[in-house]
């Protein structure tokens, strides 16, 4: 009987751990871009990302998560596309939420790894290396 009690405790602990890991570990959804350079959609699944705008068409591809904080009041997730088709101008994409504007998410495409690394800097050369879009989350 003591072995059975240990077994039940172990299974209970595993169930608690599994429930803790069941919460969202990746951001997913469909986002509809607003404004002339941003009309289009970003589709984000647990395995692929796809973003189409008038200036760039990134077909669905696998990604690496390079930055993520989904538990804060202003969640953010940034991705590096594993492969890019020739019409895709942005190998790095960030999706962020600002609670001051609860109806919109911010989508940012970076033209290079360097542009992504300099994302917190401001200036004309940084502005030329990224596309910033407001988007509504549809799903």
Protein backbone atom coordinates (compact mmCIF):
# COMPACT_ATOMS: atom_id res chain seq x y z
CA UNK A 1 0.00 0.00 0.00
CA UNK A 2 2.80 2.55 0.66
CA UNK A 3 3.96 2.05 -2.94
CA UNK A 4 0.47 2.82 -4.20
CA UNK A 5 0.38 6.07 -2.18
CA UNK A 6 3.74 7.12 -3.64
CA UNK A 7 2.47 6.30 -7.12
CA UNK A 8 -0.70 8.37 -6.62
CA UNK A 9 1.35 11.31 -5.32
CA UNK A 10 3.73 11.10 -8.28
CA UNK A 11 0.88 11.02 -10.79
CA UNK A 12 -0.81 13.96 -9.04
CA UNK A 13 2.41 15.96 -9.20
CA UNK A 14 2.80 15.21 -12.90
CA UNK A 15 -0.77 16.36 -13.54
CA UNK A 16 -0.11 19.66 -11.73
CA UNK A 17 3.06 20.19 -13.77
CA UNK A 18 1.23 19.40 -17.03
CA UNK A 19 -1.52 21.91 -16.24
CA UNK A 20 1.11 24.57 -15.54
CA UNK A 21 2.70 23.94 -18.92
CA UNK A 22 -0.67 23.88 -20.69
CA UNK A 23 -1.02 27.67 -20.59
CA UNK A 24 -0.09 29.53 -23.76
CA UNK A 25 3.59 29.06 -24.54
CA UNK A 26 3.38 30.73 -27.93
CA UNK A 27 1.37 33.61 -29.28
CA UNK A 28 -1.01 32.55 -32.04
CA UNK A 29 -3.67 34.30 -34.07
CA UNK A 30 -4.63 36.13 -37.22
CA UNK A 31 -3.90 39.85 -37.35
CA UNK A 32 -5.37 42.24 -39.94
CA UNK A 33 -3.08 45.13 -40.86
CA UNK A 34 -4.38 48.71 -40.98
CA UNK A 35 -3.17 51.53 -43.25
CA UNK A 36 -1.81 51.71 -46.79
CA UNK A 37 1.56 49.95 -46.34
CA UNK A 38 0.10 47.44 -43.92
CA UNK A 39 -3.11 46.11 -45.49
CA UNK A 40 -2.91 42.37 -45.33
CA UNK A 41 -2.67 39.66 -42.73
CA UNK A 42 -0.25 38.05 -40.37
CA UNK A 43 -1.10 34.45 -39.50
CA UNK A 44 0.76 33.01 -36.54
CA UNK A 45 0.41 29.37 -35.53
CA UNK A 46 2.37 27.36 -33.00
CA UNK A 47 4.62 26.19 -35.86
CA UNK A 48 4.50 28.73 -38.72
CA UNK A 49 4.30 32.43 -39.45
CA UNK A 50 2.98 34.12 -42.62
CA UNK A 51 2.76 37.87 -43.27
CA UNK A 52 1.42 39.54 -46.39
CA UNK A 53 1.44 43.31 -46.97
CA UNK A 54 1.55 45.40 -50.17
CA UNK A 55 5.35 45.58 -49.81
CA UNK A 56 6.23 42.09 -48.63
CA UNK A 57 4.78 38.61 -48.94
CA UNK A 58 6.29 36.16 -46.47
CA UNK A 59 4.84 32.72 -47.17
CA UNK A 60 4.14 30.36 -44.28
CA UNK A 61 7.40 29.16 -42.80
CA UNK A 62 8.76 27.76 -39.56
CA UNK A 63 10.30 30.20 -37.10
CA UNK A 64 12.52 30.47 -34.04
CA UNK A 65 11.29 32.53 -31.09
CA UNK A 66 14.06 35.06 -30.37
CA UNK A 67 12.25 37.14 -27.74
CA UNK A 68 9.07 36.47 -25.80
CA UNK A 69 7.24 37.79 -22.76
CA UNK A 70 3.58 36.83 -22.88
CA UNK A 71 2.82 37.31 -19.18
CA UNK A 72 3.40 41.06 -18.92
CA UNK A 73 0.73 43.73 -19.38
CA UNK A 74 2.41 44.54 -22.70
CA UNK A 75 3.16 41.12 -24.20
CA UNK A 76 5.71 40.80 -26.97
CA UNK A 77 6.99 37.98 -29.14
CA UNK A 78 9.70 38.22 -31.80
CA UNK A 79 10.48 35.63 -34.43
CA UNK A 80 13.27 34.76 -36.85
CA UNK A 81 11.94 33.13 -40.00
CA UNK A 82 13.79 29.91 -40.77
CA UNK A 83 13.33 30.33 -44.52
CA UNK A 84 12.25 33.25 -46.68
CA UNK A 85 10.80 33.31 -50.17
CA UNK A 86 12.15 36.00 -52.53
CA UNK A 87 9.17 38.35 -51.95
CA UNK A 88 9.66 38.34 -48.17
CA UNK A 89 11.56 41.44 -47.02
CA UNK A 90 11.53 40.72 -43.28
CA UNK A 91 13.52 37.87 -41.74
CA UNK A 92 12.59 39.13 -38.25
CA UNK A 93 9.04 39.93 -37.12
CA UNK A 94 7.82 41.23 -33.75
CA UNK A 95 4.24 41.18 -32.49
CA UNK A 96 3.57 43.45 -29.51
CA UNK A 97 0.60 44.70 -27.53
CA UNK A 98 0.30 48.11 -25.87
CA UNK A 99 -2.48 48.18 -23.25
CA UNK A 100 -2.89 51.93 -23.89
CA UNK A 101 -4.37 50.94 -27.29
CA UNK A 102 -6.36 47.79 -26.47
CA UNK A 103 -7.94 47.44 -29.92
CA UNK A 104 -4.63 47.09 -31.77
CA UNK A 105 -1.43 45.10 -31.86
CA UNK A 106 1.83 46.37 -33.32
CA UNK A 107 3.47 44.28 -36.06
CA UNK A 108 7.06 45.16 -36.90
CA UNK A 109 9.09 43.64 -39.71
CA UNK A 110 12.88 44.06 -39.63
CA UNK A 111 14.88 43.94 -42.86
CA UNK A 112 17.95 42.32 -41.28
CA UNK A 113 19.39 40.84 -38.12
CA UNK A 114 21.22 44.14 -37.52
CA UNK A 115 17.94 46.09 -37.81
CA UNK A 116 16.34 43.72 -35.30
CA UNK A 117 19.25 44.09 -32.88
CA UNK A 118 18.97 47.90 -33.14
CA UNK A 119 15.18 47.89 -32.66
CA UNK A 120 15.30 50.00 -29.49
CA UNK A 121 17.30 52.75 -31.18
CA UNK A 122 15.59 55.51 -33.10
CA UNK A 123 16.69 57.47 -36.11
CA UNK A 124 16.19 57.65 -39.88
CA UNK A 125 18.51 54.74 -40.67
CA UNK A 126 16.58 52.47 -38.27
CA UNK A 127 13.22 53.65 -39.65
CA UNK A 128 14.28 52.67 -43.17
CA UNK A 129 15.03 49.13 -42.02
CA UNK A 130 11.62 48.25 -40.61
CA UNK A 131 7.91 48.29 -41.34
CA UNK A 132 5.64 49.13 -38.39
CA UNK A 133 1.95 48.31 -38.65
CA UNK A 134 -1.10 48.57 -36.43
CA UNK A 135 -3.26 45.48 -36.64
CA UNK A 136 -6.45 44.10 -35.18
CA UNK A 137 -6.34 40.59 -33.79
CA UNK A 138 -9.11 38.63 -35.51
CA UNK A 139 -8.53 35.27 -33.82
